[in-house]
């Protein structure tokens, strides 16, 4: 997967915060080399977060985010501040943009407190440094810039590159579960909900990781799956299926062949498989009137057999026999108050970065609400959860 095509969920998010008219947008434009954000002397020009995917060495693929002023006022201003707060859930690095000609104010000190509270590494940028008689030297946590005169931008980029330390151990999607020379069969239904001309992200990641491991990836639809298995000279080392056809595929795959799903592998990859397994076990306790939140990390056009709004409700009804109060959220929208829900069933989160997934999982955990994902819940409802997690050696 190239740097240009790296999905947003796999990028390092760098968000620029500060008061109105601190020069955040000008600085973001200078860093990205594009007129990404509208710049004006009038405070509050940035009304919504503006994002730009780019490469920033030595970090690699990053997502640069310009946020509204954190001191905005009025009814609309409060909504803008809320949108900036949501970005705090996503960012790996925070950049606090301040006016070099004055001391930090209450708004900026509040932001620093939030960075510490959320354990977000941050850099203070003293912008408009060209207005100073003498520019102080930079330090490890403070850089002086002039977005107007394009001064200090290289130093800012270099400092950002040193601020974030990626995990020492690179995560694998499936490669650590197989060996070179293995054959892995991937079952990918192509129905009305499938994207045109491409595989969905978890399927792409699985294929690439299998190939990177020196193994052989065999991709098939469920309609040709049985024929594909018969054509193999030896049983595959692993079968990975889309959750929607879990029940069908499990009946065909011999018990001696390891079986799992893209969604379960994604939950492991995102770091919440253990939580998802425990959450799925709550399904059998659901009764009439219980509220269940079904949440998706991205927004797409709903099809007649949509998994979140059609198939999951149908399977939940068949399993529990209860009239559940189902509610939905999608994209960036995720309820802050989850206390009324008996269970949260989330998508695999392939388009969300780990920070956002962890925020959603921890929010549920703090409010005592079990949290699972589509694939784990579907495996449980099909009675094959134990089998589907068996190929995974360590469940966190």
Protein backbone atom coordinates (compact mmCIF):
# COMPACT_ATOMS: atom_id res chain seq x y z
CA UNK A 1 0.00 0.00 0.00
CA UNK A 2 1.64 3.29 -1.07
CA UNK A 3 1.89 6.42 1.02
CA UNK A 4 -0.58 8.17 -1.27
CA UNK A 5 -3.21 5.49 -0.78
CA UNK A 6 -2.73 4.90 2.96
CA UNK A 7 -6.20 5.01 4.56
CA UNK A 8 -6.93 7.71 7.13
CA UNK A 9 -7.15 5.11 9.88
CA UNK A 10 -3.51 4.13 9.29
CA UNK A 11 -2.11 7.68 9.23
CA UNK A 12 -0.57 9.66 12.09
CA UNK A 13 -2.99 12.50 12.84
CA UNK A 14 -1.45 15.92 13.53
CA UNK A 15 -4.02 18.53 14.60
CA UNK A 16 -3.46 22.28 14.91
CA UNK A 17 -5.30 23.89 17.83
CA UNK A 18 -5.47 27.41 19.21
CA UNK A 19 -7.52 30.58 19.58
CA UNK A 20 -9.11 32.47 16.73
CA UNK A 21 -6.68 34.49 14.63
CA UNK A 22 -3.60 32.77 16.05
CA UNK A 23 -2.60 31.85 12.51
CA UNK A 24 -3.53 28.16 12.56
CA UNK A 25 -4.88 28.14 9.02
CA UNK A 26 -1.93 30.10 7.62
CA UNK A 27 0.43 27.68 9.34
CA UNK A 28 -1.42 24.62 8.01
CA UNK A 29 -1.25 26.09 4.50
CA UNK A 30 2.49 26.63 4.91
CA UNK A 31 3.10 23.10 6.22
CA UNK A 32 1.03 21.42 3.49
CA UNK A 33 2.24 23.76 0.74
CA UNK A 34 -1.36 24.34 -0.35
CA UNK A 35 -4.10 26.91 0.22
CA UNK A 36 -6.03 24.30 2.15
CA UNK A 37 -7.75 26.60 4.64
CA UNK A 38 -9.35 29.99 4.11
CA UNK A 39 -7.26 32.73 5.71
CA UNK A 40 -8.70 36.02 6.95
CA UNK A 41 -8.03 38.68 9.55
CA UNK A 42 -11.60 38.12 10.73
CA UNK A 43 -11.71 35.68 13.65
CA UNK A 44 -13.64 32.42 13.25
CA UNK A 45 -12.98 31.91 9.53
CA UNK A 46 -12.39 28.17 10.03
CA UNK A 47 -15.85 26.81 10.81
CA UNK A 48 -15.18 23.06 10.53
CA UNK A 49 -12.06 20.91 10.79
CA UNK A 50 -10.17 20.81 7.48
CA UNK A 51 -8.08 17.70 6.72
CA UNK A 52 -5.19 17.05 4.35
CA UNK A 53 -3.43 13.71 3.82
CA UNK A 54 0.27 14.04 3.05
CA UNK A 55 3.69 12.54 3.71
CA UNK A 56 5.85 14.06 6.44
CA UNK A 57 9.22 12.42 6.91
CA UNK A 58 10.38 10.69 9.02
CA UNK A 59 6.82 10.06 10.27
CA UNK A 60 5.52 8.84 6.89
CA UNK A 61 1.82 9.12 6.00
CA UNK A 62 0.08 11.76 8.14
CA UNK A 63 -3.26 13.55 8.31
CA UNK A 64 -2.93 17.30 8.92
CA UNK A 65 -6.01 18.86 10.55
CA UNK A 66 -6.86 22.55 10.92
CA UNK A 67 -9.43 23.14 13.68
CA UNK A 68 -11.76 26.05 14.51
CA UNK A 69 -10.72 28.54 17.18
CA UNK A 70 -11.08 27.05 20.64
CA UNK A 71 -12.27 30.38 22.06
CA UNK A 72 -15.17 30.82 19.63
CA UNK A 73 -18.38 32.16 21.15
CA UNK A 74 -22.12 32.18 20.55
CA UNK A 75 -24.39 29.30 19.59
CA UNK A 76 -22.50 28.56 16.35
CA UNK A 77 -19.17 29.15 18.05
CA UNK A 78 -19.90 26.52 20.67
CA UNK A 79 -20.62 23.99 17.92
CA UNK A 80 -17.29 24.86 16.30
CA UNK A 81 -15.50 24.33 19.61
CA UNK A 82 -17.26 20.97 19.96
CA UNK A 83 -15.98 19.95 16.52
CA UNK A 84 -12.45 20.86 17.63
CA UNK A 85 -12.88 18.80 20.80
CA UNK A 86 -13.84 15.78 18.70
CA UNK A 87 -10.52 16.04 16.85
CA UNK A 88 -8.78 15.63 20.22
CA UNK A 89 -10.11 12.05 20.18
CA UNK A 90 -8.34 11.39 16.90
CA UNK A 91 -4.98 13.11 17.02
CA UNK A 92 -1.63 11.48 17.77
CA UNK A 93 0.18 14.83 17.89
CA UNK A 94 -1.25 18.22 18.87
CA UNK A 95 0.17 21.54 17.71
CA UNK A 96 -0.78 24.51 19.90
CA UNK A 97 -0.55 27.66 17.78
CA UNK A 98 -0.13 30.84 19.83
CA UNK A 99 0.65 34.50 19.20
CA UNK A 100 4.36 35.02 19.87
CA UNK A 101 3.75 38.63 20.93
CA UNK A 102 1.82 37.73 24.10
CA UNK A 103 1.68 35.25 26.99
CA UNK A 104 -0.56 32.19 26.97
CA UNK A 105 -4.21 32.93 27.74
CA UNK A 106 -6.90 30.86 29.50
CA UNK A 107 -8.02 29.18 26.26
CA UNK A 108 -4.50 28.00 25.46
CA UNK A 109 -3.89 26.81 29.03
CA UNK A 110 -7.13 24.82 28.84
CA UNK A 111 -5.91 23.15 25.65
CA UNK A 112 -2.61 22.24 27.31
CA UNK A 113 -4.55 20.68 30.19
CA UNK A 114 -6.59 18.64 27.70
CA UNK A 115 -3.40 17.46 25.96
CA UNK A 116 -2.01 16.27 29.30
CA UNK A 117 -5.32 14.68 30.30
CA UNK A 118 -5.49 12.70 27.06
CA UNK A 119 -1.73 12.00 27.05
CA UNK A 120 -1.30 13.59 23.62
CA UNK A 121 2.26 14.71 22.82
CA UNK A 122 2.15 18.36 21.80
CA UNK A 123 4.28 21.13 20.39
CA UNK A 124 3.81 24.84 21.09
CA UNK A 125 4.25 27.03 18.02
CA UNK A 126 4.84 30.73 18.66
CA UNK A 127 3.49 32.16 15.42
CA UNK A 128 3.83 35.77 14.18
CA UNK A 129 7.43 35.72 15.41
CA UNK A 130 8.27 38.30 12.73
CA UNK A 131 6.62 40.89 15.00
CA UNK A 132 9.25 40.33 17.71
CA UNK A 133 12.36 42.50 17.97
CA UNK A 134 14.42 39.39 18.67
CA UNK A 135 13.31 35.79 18.05
CA UNK A 136 14.29 33.43 20.90
CA UNK A 137 15.89 30.08 20.03
CA UNK A 138 13.69 27.05 19.47
CA UNK A 139 13.52 24.25 22.04
CA UNK A 140 12.34 20.63 22.02
CA UNK A 141 8.76 21.68 22.75
CA UNK A 142 8.56 25.22 21.33
CA UNK A 143 9.13 26.49 17.78
CA UNK A 144 8.97 30.10 16.57
CA UNK A 145 7.40 30.65 13.15
CA UNK A 146 6.01 33.27 10.84
CA UNK A 147 3.40 31.73 8.58
CA UNK A 148 3.13 35.06 6.75
CA UNK A 149 6.82 35.11 5.81
CA UNK A 150 7.21 31.30 5.68
CA UNK A 151 9.83 31.40 8.44
CA UNK A 152 10.46 28.43 10.73
CA UNK A 153 8.30 26.02 8.70
CA UNK A 154 11.13 23.57 8.03
CA UNK A 155 12.08 23.63 11.71
CA UNK A 156 8.45 22.97 12.61
CA UNK A 157 8.26 19.94 10.32
CA UNK A 158 11.55 18.56 11.65
CA UNK A 159 10.42 18.95 15.26
CA UNK A 160 7.11 17.21 14.54
CA UNK A 161 9.08 14.31 13.07
CA UNK A 162 10.88 13.84 16.38
CA UNK A 163 7.82 14.25 18.59
CA UNK A 164 6.00 10.99 17.89
CA UNK A 165 7.53 7.56 18.45
CA UNK A 166 5.63 4.83 16.55
CA UNK A 167 5.17 1.46 18.29
CA UNK A 168 8.36 -0.60 18.29
CA UNK A 169 6.52 -3.72 17.14
CA UNK A 170 4.70 -3.34 13.84
CA UNK A 171 1.17 -4.74 13.91
CA UNK A 172 0.30 -7.51 11.49
CA UNK A 173 -3.18 -8.09 10.13
CA UNK A 174 -2.76 -11.83 9.60
CA UNK A 175 0.89 -12.42 8.71
CA UNK A 176 1.90 -13.59 12.19
CA UNK A 177 -0.71 -16.36 12.05
CA UNK A 178 0.64 -18.01 8.89
CA UNK A 179 3.95 -19.17 7.43
CA UNK A 180 5.70 -18.74 4.09
CA UNK A 181 4.31 -21.17 1.54
CA UNK A 182 0.91 -21.51 3.24
CA UNK A 183 -2.28 -21.24 1.22
CA UNK A 184 -4.89 -18.86 2.64
CA UNK A 185 -8.41 -18.75 1.19
CA UNK A 186 -10.26 -15.44 1.46
CA UNK A 187 -14.05 -15.48 0.98
CA UNK A 188 -15.29 -12.11 -0.27
CA UNK A 189 -18.99 -11.82 -1.17
CA UNK A 190 -19.73 -9.43 -4.04
CA UNK A 191 -23.26 -8.20 -3.42
CA UNK A 192 -25.17 -4.95 -3.90
CA UNK A 193 -23.46 -3.43 -0.85
CA UNK A 194 -19.93 -4.16 -2.11
CA UNK A 195 -17.95 -1.16 -3.44
CA UNK A 196 -17.62 -0.94 -7.21
CA UNK A 197 -14.38 -2.21 -8.71
CA UNK A 198 -12.48 -2.86 -5.50
CA UNK A 199 -12.30 -4.90 -2.32
CA UNK A 200 -13.13 -3.35 1.05
CA UNK A 201 -10.18 -2.27 3.19
CA UNK A 202 -9.93 -5.31 5.52
CA UNK A 203 -9.88 -7.59 2.48
CA UNK A 204 -7.16 -5.48 0.87
CA UNK A 205 -5.10 -5.57 4.07
CA UNK A 206 -5.47 -9.33 4.40
CA UNK A 207 -4.42 -10.02 0.79
CA UNK A 208 -1.39 -7.74 1.09
CA UNK A 209 -0.26 -9.21 4.42
CA UNK A 210 -0.63 -12.77 3.13
CA UNK A 211 1.52 -11.90 0.11
CA UNK A 212 4.08 -10.07 2.28
CA UNK A 213 4.39 -13.25 4.34
CA UNK A 214 5.37 -15.31 1.31
CA UNK A 215 2.08 -17.20 1.45
CA UNK A 216 -0.45 -17.76 -1.34
CA UNK A 217 -3.72 -15.81 -1.28
CA UNK A 218 -6.70 -17.44 -3.00
CA UNK A 219 -9.65 -15.05 -3.25
CA UNK A 220 -13.14 -16.30 -4.06
CA UNK A 221 -16.81 -15.46 -3.64
CA UNK A 222 -18.89 -17.62 -1.36
CA UNK A 223 -20.71 -18.96 -4.42
CA UNK A 224 -17.46 -20.50 -5.72
CA UNK A 225 -15.99 -21.33 -2.31
CA UNK A 226 -16.79 -25.03 -2.22
CA UNK A 227 -15.43 -25.49 -5.75
CA UNK A 228 -12.30 -23.55 -4.78
CA UNK A 229 -11.64 -25.79 -1.77
CA UNK A 230 -12.05 -28.90 -3.90
CA UNK A 231 -9.55 -27.59 -6.45
CA UNK A 232 -6.78 -27.22 -3.86
CA UNK A 233 -4.28 -30.07 -3.68
CA UNK A 234 -4.09 -29.74 0.11
CA UNK A 235 -6.31 -28.10 2.74
CA UNK A 236 -5.57 -24.39 3.27
CA UNK A 237 -3.66 -23.23 6.34
CA UNK A 238 -6.41 -20.70 7.07
CA UNK A 239 -9.80 -19.56 5.74
CA UNK A 240 -10.80 -15.92 6.25
CA UNK A 241 -14.40 -15.06 5.48
CA UNK A 242 -16.63 -12.04 5.40
CA UNK A 243 -18.80 -12.11 8.52
CA UNK A 244 -22.02 -11.97 6.51
CA UNK A 245 -21.46 -15.52 5.20
CA UNK A 246 -19.90 -16.91 8.38
CA UNK A 247 -22.64 -19.48 8.93
CA UNK A 248 -22.56 -20.74 5.34
CA UNK A 249 -18.76 -20.96 5.12
CA UNK A 250 -18.37 -22.65 8.52
CA UNK A 251 -20.53 -25.57 7.35
CA UNK A 252 -18.22 -26.18 4.37
CA UNK A 253 -14.82 -25.74 6.03
CA UNK A 254 -13.66 -28.97 7.74
CA UNK A 255 -13.18 -28.65 11.51
CA UNK A 256 -9.49 -29.41 10.98
CA UNK A 257 -9.03 -26.20 8.96
CA UNK A 258 -8.65 -22.93 10.96
CA UNK A 259 -11.41 -20.42 10.25
CA UNK A 260 -11.80 -16.74 11.15
CA UNK A 261 -13.21 -13.52 9.67
CA UNK A 262 -11.91 -10.20 8.38
CA UNK A 263 -13.86 -8.43 11.12
CA UNK A 264 -12.35 -10.52 13.91
CA UNK A 265 -8.87 -9.94 12.50
CA UNK A 266 -9.63 -6.21 12.33
CA UNK A 267 -10.74 -6.19 15.98
CA UNK A 268 -7.43 -7.81 16.91
CA UNK A 269 -5.53 -5.36 14.69
CA UNK A 270 -7.29 -2.40 16.35
CA UNK A 271 -6.63 -3.85 19.82
CA UNK A 272 -10.11 -4.63 21.14
CA UNK A 273 -10.78 -8.29 20.31
CA UNK A 274 -10.84 -9.37 23.96
CA UNK A 275 -13.41 -6.68 24.73
CA UNK A 276 -15.44 -7.67 21.65
CA UNK A 277 -15.57 -11.33 22.69
CA UNK A 278 -16.85 -10.45 26.17
CA UNK A 279 -19.37 -8.02 24.69
CA UNK A 280 -20.79 -10.59 22.27
CA UNK A 281 -21.62 -12.91 25.15
CA UNK A 282 -24.16 -10.33 26.39
CA UNK A 283 -26.40 -10.91 23.36
CA UNK A 284 -28.22 -13.86 24.95
CA UNK A 285 -29.20 -11.70 27.96
CA UNK A 286 -31.01 -9.07 25.86
CA UNK A 287 -34.75 -8.76 26.38
CA UNK A 288 -37.73 -6.76 25.13
CA UNK A 289 -37.15 -3.01 25.17
CA UNK A 290 -33.37 -3.16 25.68
CA UNK A 291 -31.53 -0.45 23.79
CA UNK A 292 -28.70 -1.56 21.48
CA UNK A 293 -26.47 0.87 19.59
CA UNK A 294 -25.26 -0.27 16.16
CA UNK A 295 -22.41 2.04 15.14
CA UNK A 296 -20.45 2.39 11.89
CA UNK A 297 -17.24 4.35 11.54
CA UNK A 298 -17.91 5.51 7.98
CA UNK A 299 -20.91 6.81 6.07
CA UNK A 300 -22.22 5.04 2.98
CA UNK A 301 -25.43 4.70 1.00
CA UNK A 302 -27.64 2.05 2.58
CA UNK A 303 -28.53 -0.92 0.39
CA UNK A 304 -31.53 -3.24 0.74
CA UNK A 305 -29.37 -5.89 2.46
CA UNK A 306 -27.19 -3.50 4.47
CA UNK A 307 -25.44 -5.35 7.27
CA UNK A 308 -25.89 -2.69 9.96
CA UNK A 309 -29.50 -1.71 9.35
CA UNK A 310 -30.98 -4.91 7.90
CA UNK A 311 -28.97 -8.08 8.52
CA UNK A 312 -27.78 -7.47 12.09
CA UNK A 313 -31.28 -6.52 13.32
CA UNK A 314 -32.65 -9.66 11.67
CA UNK A 315 -30.01 -11.91 13.24
CA UNK A 316 -30.45 -10.28 16.66
CA UNK A 317 -34.20 -10.90 16.48
CA UNK A 318 -33.68 -14.52 15.46
CA UNK A 319 -31.15 -15.14 18.25
CA UNK A 320 -32.87 -13.32 21.14
CA UNK A 321 -36.53 -13.44 20.14
CA UNK A 322 -36.78 -9.99 21.73
CA UNK A 323 -38.22 -6.71 20.47
CA UNK A 324 -35.07 -4.63 20.89
CA UNK A 325 -34.87 -0.83 20.73
CA UNK A 326 -32.17 -0.51 18.06
CA UNK A 327 -30.46 2.81 17.43
CA UNK A 328 -27.74 3.70 14.94
CA UNK A 329 -24.80 6.08 14.57
CA UNK A 330 -22.38 6.51 11.67
CA UNK A 331 -19.29 8.43 10.64
CA UNK A 332 -17.90 10.82 13.24
CA UNK A 333 -21.11 10.78 15.23
CA UNK A 334 -20.92 8.68 18.39
CA UNK A 335 -23.10 9.37 21.47
CA UNK A 336 -21.29 10.70 24.52
CA UNK A 337 -23.94 9.30 26.84
CA UNK A 338 -24.16 5.53 26.40
CA UNK A 339 -25.68 4.76 29.79
CA UNK A 340 -29.10 3.83 28.35
CA UNK A 341 -27.67 1.10 26.11
CA UNK A 342 -27.31 -2.55 27.06
CA UNK A 343 -24.80 -3.19 24.27
CA UNK A 344 -22.78 -1.39 21.59
CA UNK A 345 -22.18 -3.33 18.36
CA UNK A 346 -19.55 -1.49 16.32
CA UNK A 347 -18.28 -2.10 12.80
CA UNK A 348 -14.70 -3.28 12.35
CA UNK A 349 -13.52 0.33 12.44
CA UNK A 350 -11.24 -0.06 9.42
CA UNK A 351 -11.58 3.64 8.50
CA UNK A 352 -11.09 4.90 12.08
CA UNK A 353 -7.68 5.39 13.60
CA UNK A 354 -6.77 3.48 16.80
CA UNK A 355 -7.22 6.59 18.98
CA UNK A 356 -10.87 6.99 17.95
CA UNK A 357 -11.64 3.28 18.32
CA UNK A 358 -10.06 3.28 21.77
CA UNK A 359 -12.05 6.39 22.74
CA UNK A 360 -15.33 4.71 21.76
CA UNK A 361 -14.44 1.47 23.52
CA UNK A 362 -13.28 3.28 26.69
CA UNK A 363 -16.41 5.46 26.70
CA UNK A 364 -18.55 2.34 26.76
CA UNK A 365 -16.33 0.72 29.36
CA UNK A 366 -16.46 3.73 31.71
CA UNK A 367 -20.25 3.73 31.51
CA UNK A 368 -20.52 0.00 32.09
CA UNK A 369 -21.80 -0.80 28.60
CA UNK A 370 -20.51 -3.98 26.86
CA UNK A 371 -18.81 -3.32 23.50
CA UNK A 372 -18.43 -5.74 20.59
CA UNK A 373 -18.09 -5.60 16.81
CA UNK A 374 -20.03 -6.96 13.86
CA UNK A 375 -17.90 -10.01 13.12
CA UNK A 376 -17.55 -11.15 16.72
CA UNK A 377 -21.29 -10.75 17.32
CA UNK A 378 -22.15 -12.62 14.12
CA UNK A 379 -19.77 -15.47 14.98
CA UNK A 380 -21.38 -15.71 18.42
CA UNK A 381 -24.91 -15.75 17.00
CA UNK A 382 -23.84 -18.53 14.59
CA UNK A 383 -22.42 -20.57 17.47
CA UNK A 384 -18.89 -20.52 16.04
CA UNK A 385 -17.16 -17.81 18.10
CA UNK A 386 -14.80 -20.25 19.84
CA UNK A 387 -13.77 -21.72 16.51
CA UNK A 388 -13.32 -18.32 14.83
CA UNK A 389 -10.93 -16.99 17.49
CA UNK A 390 -9.00 -20.27 17.84
CA UNK A 391 -6.43 -19.35 15.12
CA UNK A 392 -5.48 -16.23 17.10
CA UNK A 393 -2.79 -17.05 19.62
CA UNK A 394 -3.05 -14.04 21.90
CA UNK A 395 -6.29 -12.16 22.50
CA UNK A 396 -5.93 -8.76 24.16
